[in-house]
Amino acid sequence: MSLTDREAAERVARVDALLDSVDSLPDPGLTVEALQALLDLYGEALARILAIGGDALGPALAEDELVAYLLLLHGLHPLDVSVRVERAVSRVRSRLGGSAVESVTVADGVARVRLRRGRGGCGAATAPSALLEEAIRNAAPELDRVEIDELGPPPVLITLDALRRPDAWAS
């Protein structure tokens, strides 16, 4: 079986929804225990695959979104949380609609992003902070919080030369 990235994402969403409904079962304890045993077994198998593959295999596998999700789920992702956050921010930069990320830090379970809002206009993202937060949470679900400090757009600078031009005041 080979799923497309979209099909895999849909499957992950379906599994998450099913897991959320386990608590409503008549005896969820046995189901949770069975699922945990299965996850532990798969986690051990992934850890062995990574050990057999050597240092280069982990980062190569983490390039695949679905495999990266499984590595995160089992605490085996080869990239540090700050690297994953930086990469997530880089992937969405072009979709921020003129807003610019000025800094990104990760410490003590919190990702902090400083975002300079753009002036809007054609193609502006409606909620760049929401886009950033979603990308960061997907890349690093182990974070406790994502804090985005939004700053206003940079001031408009009008030079004296522009004010002195005779055609600057023409209507």
Protein backbone atom coordinates (compact mmCIF):
# COMPACT_ATOMS: atom_id res chain seq x y z
CA MET A 1 0.00 0.00 0.00
CA SER A 2 1.33 3.42 -0.91
CA LEU A 3 -0.57 6.50 0.23
CA THR A 4 -0.15 10.00 -1.11
CA ASP A 5 0.80 12.66 1.44
CA ARG A 6 -2.79 13.89 1.42
CA GLU A 7 -4.18 10.38 1.97
CA ALA A 8 -1.68 9.83 4.78
CA ALA A 9 -2.71 13.12 6.44
CA GLU A 10 -6.36 12.09 6.16
CA ARG A 11 -5.53 8.72 7.70
CA VAL A 12 -3.68 10.38 10.59
CA ALA A 13 -6.68 12.66 11.20
CA ARG A 14 -8.99 9.61 11.19
CA VAL A 15 -6.79 7.74 13.67
CA ASP A 16 -6.68 10.81 15.94
CA ALA A 17 -10.49 11.05 15.83
CA LEU A 18 -10.85 7.34 16.61
CA LEU A 19 -8.41 7.63 19.52
CA ASP A 20 -10.38 10.57 20.89
CA SER A 21 -13.53 8.42 20.90
CA VAL A 22 -11.97 5.54 22.88
CA ASP A 23 -13.00 7.14 26.19
CA SER A 24 -16.67 6.78 25.22
CA LEU A 25 -16.39 2.98 24.96
CA PRO A 26 -17.97 0.86 27.73
CA ASP A 27 -14.55 -0.36 28.94
CA PRO A 28 -11.88 1.97 27.54
CA GLY A 29 -9.16 0.65 29.85
CA LEU A 30 -8.57 -2.57 27.94
CA THR A 31 -8.65 -0.74 24.58
CA VAL A 32 -6.15 1.85 25.77
CA GLU A 33 -3.89 -0.89 27.13
CA ALA A 34 -4.00 -2.77 23.80
CA LEU A 35 -3.28 0.42 21.84
CA GLN A 36 -0.39 1.33 24.15
CA ALA A 37 1.15 -2.13 23.78
CA LEU A 38 0.87 -1.85 19.99
CA LEU A 39 2.43 1.64 20.01
CA ASP A 40 5.26 0.45 22.25
CA LEU A 41 5.94 -2.44 19.86
CA TYR A 42 5.99 -0.16 16.81
CA GLY A 43 8.18 2.34 18.66
CA GLU A 44 10.70 -0.38 19.48
CA ALA A 45 10.70 -1.52 15.84
CA LEU A 46 11.33 2.06 14.64
CA ALA A 47 14.15 2.48 17.16
CA ARG A 48 15.77 -0.72 15.86
CA ILE A 49 15.40 0.44 12.24
CA LEU A 50 17.14 3.71 13.13
CA ALA A 51 19.91 1.84 14.96
CA ILE A 52 20.49 -0.48 12.02
CA GLY A 53 20.45 2.39 9.52
CA GLY A 54 23.10 4.47 11.26
CA ASP A 55 23.38 8.23 11.69
CA ALA A 56 22.28 9.20 8.18
CA LEU A 57 19.00 7.26 8.19
CA GLY A 58 17.13 9.25 10.84
CA PRO A 59 17.39 12.65 9.16
CA ALA A 60 16.58 11.08 5.77
CA LEU A 61 13.46 9.40 7.15
CA ALA A 62 12.40 12.60 8.93
CA GLU A 63 12.09 14.34 5.55
CA ASP A 64 8.91 12.35 4.94
CA GLU A 65 5.99 14.00 6.74
CA LEU A 66 4.26 10.76 7.78
CA VAL A 67 7.47 9.09 8.96
CA ALA A 68 8.43 12.27 10.83
CA TYR A 69 5.03 12.13 12.58
CA LEU A 70 5.69 8.55 13.69
CA LEU A 71 9.21 9.40 14.85
CA LEU A 72 7.78 12.28 16.91
CA LEU A 73 5.07 10.03 18.33
CA HIS A 74 7.71 7.64 19.62
CA GLY A 75 10.23 10.26 20.76
CA LEU A 76 12.69 9.21 18.05
CA HIS A 77 12.84 12.27 15.82
CA PRO A 78 16.51 12.91 15.01
CA LEU A 79 16.24 16.68 14.80
CA ASP A 80 16.29 18.94 17.83
CA VAL A 81 13.05 20.79 18.58
CA SER A 82 14.58 24.18 17.75
CA VAL A 83 15.73 22.93 14.32
CA ARG A 84 12.23 21.59 13.60
CA VAL A 85 10.67 24.89 14.63
CA GLU A 86 13.07 26.87 12.41
CA ARG A 87 12.29 24.59 9.47
CA ALA A 88 8.55 24.92 10.04
CA VAL A 89 8.85 28.70 10.06
CA SER A 90 10.94 28.61 6.87
CA ARG A 91 8.31 26.48 5.12
CA VAL A 92 5.53 29.03 5.74
CA ARG A 93 7.48 32.30 5.29
CA SER A 94 6.32 32.75 1.71
CA ARG A 95 2.66 32.45 2.81
CA LEU A 96 2.78 35.18 5.48
CA GLY A 97 1.42 37.85 3.14
CA GLY A 98 4.09 40.47 3.62
CA SER A 99 4.62 39.78 7.32
CA ALA A 100 8.18 38.94 8.33
CA VAL A 101 9.54 36.70 11.05
CA GLU A 102 12.21 38.69 12.89
CA SER A 103 13.29 36.08 15.43
CA VAL A 104 12.54 32.56 16.64
CA THR A 105 13.67 31.12 19.95
CA VAL A 106 12.85 27.84 21.67
CA ALA A 107 13.50 27.35 25.37
CA ASP A 108 11.86 25.59 28.30
CA GLY A 109 9.06 24.10 26.20
CA VAL A 110 8.06 27.43 24.64
CA ALA A 111 8.60 28.63 21.09
CA ARG A 112 8.68 32.42 20.83
CA VAL A 113 8.32 34.11 17.47
CA ARG A 114 8.60 37.79 16.76
CA LEU A 115 6.42 38.67 13.78
CA ARG A 116 6.44 42.03 12.01
CA ARG A 117 3.06 42.46 10.33
CA GLY A 118 3.06 43.55 6.73
CA ARG A 119 0.95 46.31 5.28
CA GLY A 120 -1.56 43.91 3.80
CA GLY A 121 -2.62 44.36 0.24
CA CYS A 122 -2.90 41.82 -2.51
CA GLY A 123 -2.11 38.29 -1.39
CA ALA A 124 -1.80 39.17 2.30
CA ALA A 125 -2.33 36.28 4.67
CA THR A 126 -5.44 36.79 6.77
CA ALA A 127 -3.86 35.38 9.91
CA PRO A 128 -0.09 34.94 9.65
CA SER A 129 0.19 34.24 13.37
CA ALA A 130 -2.31 31.37 13.13
CA LEU A 131 -0.43 29.93 10.14
CA LEU A 132 2.86 30.12 12.06
CA GLU A 133 1.41 28.58 15.19
CA GLU A 134 -0.10 25.64 13.30
CA ALA A 135 3.17 24.96 11.46
CA ILE A 136 5.17 25.08 14.69
CA ARG A 137 2.74 22.86 16.61
CA ASN A 138 2.80 20.29 13.82
CA ALA A 139 6.61 20.27 13.76
CA ALA A 140 7.04 20.20 17.54
CA PRO A 141 3.95 18.88 19.33
CA GLU A 142 5.94 18.39 22.51
CA LEU A 143 6.08 22.17 23.07
CA ASP A 144 3.97 23.50 25.93
CA ARG A 145 3.24 26.83 24.23
CA VAL A 146 3.79 28.85 21.11
CA GLU A 147 3.98 32.60 21.74
CA ILE A 148 3.82 34.97 18.81
CA ASP A 149 4.65 38.60 19.47
CA GLU A 150 3.08 40.59 16.65
CA LEU A 151 4.54 43.98 15.93
CA GLY A 152 2.95 46.58 13.68
CA PRO A 153 4.20 47.25 10.19
CA PRO A 154 7.40 49.25 9.89
CA PRO A 155 6.88 53.01 9.70
CA VAL A 156 6.66 54.63 6.31
CA LEU A 157 9.71 56.72 5.63
CA ILE A 158 9.22 59.75 3.42
CA THR A 159 12.46 61.44 2.46
CA LEU A 160 12.85 65.20 2.37
CA ASP A 161 13.74 64.95 -1.31
CA ALA A 162 10.34 63.43 -2.02
CA LEU A 163 8.64 66.29 -0.20
CA ARG A 164 10.61 68.92 -2.09
CA ARG A 165 9.78 67.56 -5.54
CA PRO A 166 7.32 69.91 -7.29
CA ASP A 167 5.25 67.02 -8.62
CA ALA A 168 4.86 65.49 -5.13
CA TRP A 169 2.08 67.93 -4.25
CA ALA A 170 0.25 67.87 -7.58
CA SER A 171 -3.20 66.34 -7.45
